[in-house]
Amino acid sequence: MSRSKHRIAAPPRRRSRRRTPPGSAPGTLVADPTATAPRMQVMAYDGTELEERQCNEVAELSGWSGRRAVLWVNVEGLADIELIRRLGEHFGLHRLALEDVVNVHQRPKVEEYGDHIFIVTRMLPAEQEEGEGPVTEQISLFLGDGFLLTFQERAGDPFNMVRERLRGHRGQIRGAKADYLTYALLDAVIDNYFPMLERYGEKLEQLEDAVMEQADHRQTARIHAMKRDLLALRRSIWPQREMINSLVRDSSPLINEQTRIYLRDCYDHTIQLMDLVETYREIASGLVDVHLSSISTRMNEIMKVLTIIATIFIPLGFIASLYGMNFDTRVSPWNMPELEWVFGYPYALGLMAAVALGLLYYFWRKGWLGGGPKD
């Protein structure tokens, strides 16, 4: 069977490209041709009431501003540049931040623009196909006085539990301000990494068992795919830690001290994620060494068996070649008298068997055959 039949196809990699041409003016907004159509969901709430609806135009938000303590506008899809521009004008957002919204190759970060804070984080989709590598999506958050504006690349997020808490008036989220809602969303993004890392932990255990049982070249591709996926997760989680730490460390009137306590707990979760990723990467790197050692050990066992077989047949071949020489016993009685002997043939076979058994016993005594005593 050819090697090509054993190759494991690598998952397609998503390449990020800047769509603004070099030298463009700062704040230039260019939509991704593959971006999805936007859908705007609005939730406005305070300690007593919650209003929720779908909006199609930015003008509809005018009647919502100021009606409740917190206004959460969530936009799914970045294809409509004009909608994003009008939202920026409505909430007074900086154009440089809006440019980072549509260029979805940003690393997690925090930027403060006076009356609002711009936060970029990377989240895992709520649902991923089995066998698909970690593909993260950018989510951009604008935290202001009484509002939170979020932009997602496409529909689907890990925020359903947060929405249910808002609808069910569970916990303190309805009585808190927009900074606590920001914490709740960031915490949901961070916690959504744990199930995927648990799956990678199970895959690593299965790979380890398979490598210890019988190593083959197909496992090499699986191990390298695992290392590539863990590296992608590390690139996503590592800056998340710095981003959360910035929110905890830097003072801002938009984030009160009580919310910073919860953000510190979110920061601890990012540390746990980093510890898991680094541990799994070390295990995956160790599996490469174990895999190569297993293949080398298996090759040595094969070579040992072949060497033993060849060693046994060397004296047998000598005996067979000796008695195959053409000697004339009529010329001299010393010219191989066994040829005239009645039991000459059984004698030759018995001699071969005795030599073979003697060598096997010697190898067994040396422990080369396994299970035998060693001198």
Foldseek 3Di string as FASTA:
>chain_A
DDPVVLADDFADDDDADDPDDPPDDALDADADPPWDDKWKKKWAAALPDIDIDTDDAPVVCVVVPPPHQAMEIEIFIDRDVVRLVVVCVVVVHDSNLSNCLRRWPDAFAWDDDDQKIKTKAWAFFPDDDPPHFTDIWIKIWIFGRRYIYIYTRHDGDQCPVVVVCCVVVPDCPNHDGVLLVVLSRLLSRLVNVVVVLVVLVVVLVVLLVVLVVAADPSSVNVLVSSLVRLVVVCSRLVVSLVRLVCVLPDDDPSHDPVSSVSSVVSSVSSVVVNVSSVVSNVSSVVSVVSNVVRVVVVVVLVVLVVVLVVVLCVVLVVLVVVVVDDFDCVVDVPRPVLVVPPCSVVVSVVVSVVSSVVSVVVCQQCCSVDPHHHD
